[in-house]
Amino acid sequence: MTLLRKKQLSTITVKEICELADINRSTFYAHYADQYDLLTQIEDEIIEDMNTYLTTYRFEHEAEAIKMTEKLLEYFASKLDECKTLLSEHSESSFQQKVMKVTQRFILKNWINMYELDDAVSEYLSSFIVSGGIQAIKMWMYNDMDKSPKEMAELINKFVHKGLSNM
C-alpha cells in the first residue's frame, strides 16, 4: 500500500516490495507470483471481510439496513489507507469493480425483492444504488471522514430509500 500510494502497480518491482517488507525474494515468491498476485490477494481478503459483514445482516427493515451500512463504513474506516488507495482514481486495482459486484449481488438478493421489481429493472436500480454509494463513501474517506459512520449510513440510506424528495 505504501508503494501504491506513490506509484502505479506496473512500475513497482518485487525488489522494492521485498526491501520495504524486509523479506527476501524467495520468501515473497513462496507466497505470491508477482506484485499483481499480491494486490489481488489483498483485495480478495478485504472483499471476503465485506462478504462476512454483509451476510450477517438482513434488510427487511430500514433500521437494519442502516446498522449494516454503519458497520460496513466502520470497516472501511478501520482499513482507511488501504481502501483509499485501492479506490483511488489512479489505481490499477480492480477493487472498485469487486466491491460493486459483491454489493450489487447483495442488494439484488435482499433489497430489491422488497419492492417487487422485475429482474431487468432490479439490475439497473442496484447498479445505480451501488455506484452512488461507492462514490459517496469515497468522498467521505477523502473528506477525512467528516461525518461519523452512523451519520453517513443514515445519509446513504436516506438517499436510497427516500431520494431527493425528502431531503
Protein backbone atom coordinates (compact mmCIF):
# COMPACT_ATOMS: atom_id res chain seq x y z
CA MET A 1 0.00 0.00 0.00
CA THR A 2 2.88 2.36 0.78
CA LEU A 3 4.31 1.91 -2.70
CA LEU A 4 0.87 2.08 -4.35
CA ARG A 5 0.27 5.50 -2.79
CA LYS A 6 3.38 6.76 -4.58
CA LYS A 7 3.35 4.97 -7.92
CA GLN A 8 1.44 2.76 -10.33
CA LEU A 9 1.44 -1.01 -9.71
CA SER A 10 3.05 -1.63 -13.10
CA THR A 11 6.11 0.36 -12.01
CA ILE A 12 6.51 -1.34 -8.61
CA THR A 13 9.08 -4.10 -8.56
CA VAL A 14 9.20 -7.20 -6.38
CA LYS A 15 12.61 -5.98 -5.25
CA GLU A 16 11.05 -2.76 -3.89
CA ILE A 17 8.32 -4.71 -2.09
CA CYS A 18 10.89 -7.04 -0.51
CA GLU A 19 13.08 -4.16 0.62
CA LEU A 20 10.16 -2.34 2.19
CA ALA A 21 8.82 -5.50 3.88
CA ASP A 22 12.34 -6.56 4.91
CA ILE A 23 12.00 -10.02 3.39
CA ASN A 24 13.99 -11.80 0.73
CA ARG A 25 12.71 -12.51 -2.76
CA SER A 26 12.40 -16.26 -2.16
CA THR A 27 10.03 -15.60 0.75
CA PHE A 28 7.95 -13.30 -1.45
CA TYR A 29 7.79 -15.85 -4.29
CA ALA A 30 6.83 -18.61 -1.85
CA HIS A 31 3.54 -16.73 -1.33
CA TYR A 32 2.95 -14.64 -4.46
CA ALA A 33 3.59 -14.99 -8.18
CA ASP A 34 4.27 -11.26 -8.61
CA GLN A 35 3.13 -7.82 -7.42
CA TYR A 36 -0.21 -8.28 -9.20
CA ASP A 37 -0.87 -11.52 -7.33
CA LEU A 38 -0.06 -9.79 -4.03
CA LEU A 39 -2.54 -7.00 -4.80
CA THR A 40 -5.22 -9.49 -5.84
CA GLN A 41 -4.81 -11.36 -2.55
CA ILE A 42 -5.06 -8.10 -0.56
CA GLU A 43 -8.22 -7.13 -2.46
CA ASP A 44 -9.73 -10.58 -2.05
CA GLU A 45 -9.12 -10.51 1.71
CA ILE A 46 -10.97 -7.20 2.03
CA ILE A 47 -13.80 -8.45 -0.20
CA GLU A 48 -14.09 -11.60 1.93
CA ASP A 49 -14.37 -9.42 5.05
CA MET A 50 -17.06 -7.35 3.31
CA ASN A 51 -18.97 -10.50 2.44
CA THR A 52 -18.83 -11.54 6.09
CA TYR A 53 -20.22 -8.17 7.17
CA LEU A 54 -22.94 -8.20 4.55
CA THR A 55 -24.15 -11.73 5.26
CA THR A 56 -24.57 -11.05 8.98
CA TYR A 57 -27.41 -8.61 8.42
CA ARG A 58 -30.87 -8.93 6.94
CA PHE A 59 -32.55 -5.97 5.35
CA GLU A 60 -36.21 -6.36 5.95
CA HIS A 61 -36.33 -3.10 7.88
CA GLU A 62 -34.64 0.22 7.20
CA ALA A 63 -33.06 0.28 10.68
CA GLU A 64 -31.27 -2.98 9.92
CA ALA A 65 -30.00 -1.58 6.61
CA ILE A 66 -28.67 1.50 8.39
CA LYS A 67 -26.90 -0.64 11.01
CA MET A 68 -25.30 -2.83 8.33
CA THR A 69 -24.20 0.21 6.34
CA GLU A 70 -22.76 1.74 9.51
CA LYS A 71 -20.80 -1.45 10.26
CA LEU A 72 -19.53 -1.55 6.69
CA LEU A 73 -18.41 2.10 6.95
CA GLU A 74 -16.69 1.31 10.25
CA TYR A 75 -14.87 -1.49 8.45
CA PHE A 76 -13.79 0.89 5.66
CA ALA A 77 -12.65 3.38 8.32
CA SER A 78 -10.58 0.66 10.03
CA LYS A 79 -8.89 -0.03 6.67
CA LEU A 80 -8.88 3.60 5.57
CA ASP A 81 -5.43 3.74 3.99
CA GLU A 82 -5.93 0.52 2.06
CA CYS A 83 -9.42 1.45 0.87
CA LYS A 84 -8.46 5.00 -0.13
CA THR A 85 -5.51 3.61 -2.09
CA LEU A 86 -7.48 0.82 -3.76
CA LEU A 87 -10.42 3.10 -4.61
CA SER A 88 -8.20 5.90 -5.89
CA GLU A 89 -8.91 7.23 -9.38
CA HIS A 90 -5.28 6.46 -10.29
CA SER A 91 -5.36 2.88 -9.08
CA GLU A 92 -4.81 0.00 -11.48
CA SER A 93 -6.69 -2.13 -9.00
CA SER A 94 -9.91 -3.96 -9.81
CA PHE A 95 -11.03 -3.41 -6.23
CA GLN A 96 -13.86 -0.98 -7.01
CA GLN A 97 -15.33 -3.43 -9.53
CA LYS A 98 -15.11 -6.22 -6.95
CA VAL A 99 -16.82 -4.07 -4.31
CA MET A 100 -19.54 -3.14 -6.79
CA LYS A 101 -20.12 -6.76 -7.80
CA VAL A 102 -20.40 -8.03 -4.20
CA THR A 103 -22.60 -5.18 -3.07
CA GLN A 104 -24.81 -5.27 -6.15
CA ARG A 105 -25.36 -9.02 -5.76
CA PHE A 106 -26.21 -8.48 -2.11
CA ILE A 107 -28.67 -5.67 -2.90
CA LEU A 108 -30.32 -7.76 -5.60
CA LYS A 109 -30.76 -10.58 -3.11
CA ASN A 110 -32.01 -8.52 -0.17
CA TRP A 111 -33.32 -5.07 -1.03
CA ILE A 112 -34.82 -5.31 -4.47
CA ASN A 113 -37.20 -8.13 -3.54
CA MET A 114 -38.84 -5.80 -1.03
CA TYR A 115 -40.01 -3.62 -3.90
CA GLU A 116 -41.10 -6.49 -6.17
CA LEU A 117 -39.32 -5.20 -9.29
CA ASP A 118 -38.63 -7.31 -12.37
CA ASP A 119 -35.07 -8.56 -12.93
CA ALA A 120 -34.10 -6.03 -15.62
CA VAL A 121 -35.19 -3.04 -13.54
CA SER A 122 -33.59 -4.57 -10.44
CA GLU A 123 -30.18 -4.77 -12.12
CA TYR A 124 -30.32 -1.15 -13.24
CA LEU A 125 -31.52 0.03 -9.85
CA SER A 126 -28.91 -1.93 -7.88
CA SER A 127 -26.15 -0.68 -10.20
CA PHE A 128 -27.34 2.90 -9.69
CA ILE A 129 -27.52 2.49 -5.90
CA VAL A 130 -24.14 0.78 -5.58
CA SER A 131 -22.31 3.25 -7.85
CA GLY A 132 -23.70 6.21 -5.94
CA GLY A 133 -22.97 4.57 -2.60
CA ILE A 134 -19.36 3.87 -3.52
CA GLN A 135 -18.86 7.43 -4.75
CA ALA A 136 -20.36 8.79 -1.51
CA ILE A 137 -18.06 6.53 0.55
CA LYS A 138 -15.02 7.60 -1.48
CA MET A 139 -15.93 11.26 -0.95
CA TRP A 140 -16.40 10.59 2.77
CA MET A 141 -12.98 8.93 3.04
CA TYR A 142 -11.26 11.73 1.10
CA ASN A 143 -13.02 14.32 3.29
CA ASP A 144 -11.25 12.77 6.28
CA MET A 145 -14.46 11.05 7.39
CA ASP A 146 -16.06 14.37 8.31
CA LYS A 147 -19.19 12.50 9.41
CA SER A 148 -19.40 9.53 11.73
CA PRO A 149 -20.07 6.11 10.18
CA LYS A 150 -23.57 6.30 11.69
CA GLU A 151 -24.27 9.72 10.12
CA MET A 152 -23.00 8.52 6.73
CA ALA A 153 -25.04 5.31 6.97
CA GLU A 154 -28.18 7.32 7.70
CA LEU A 155 -27.42 9.70 4.83
CA ILE A 156 -26.78 6.90 2.30
CA ASN A 157 -29.89 5.01 3.38
CA LYS A 158 -31.94 8.20 3.21
CA PHE A 159 -30.75 8.71 -0.38
CA VAL A 160 -31.63 5.13 -1.27
CA HIS A 161 -35.00 4.86 0.43
CA LYS A 162 -36.34 8.39 0.24
CA GLY A 163 -34.49 10.05 -2.64
CA LEU A 164 -34.30 13.79 -3.15
CA SER A 165 -37.96 14.41 -2.44
CA ASN A 166 -37.42 14.15 1.32
CA MET A 167 -34.09 15.98 1.65
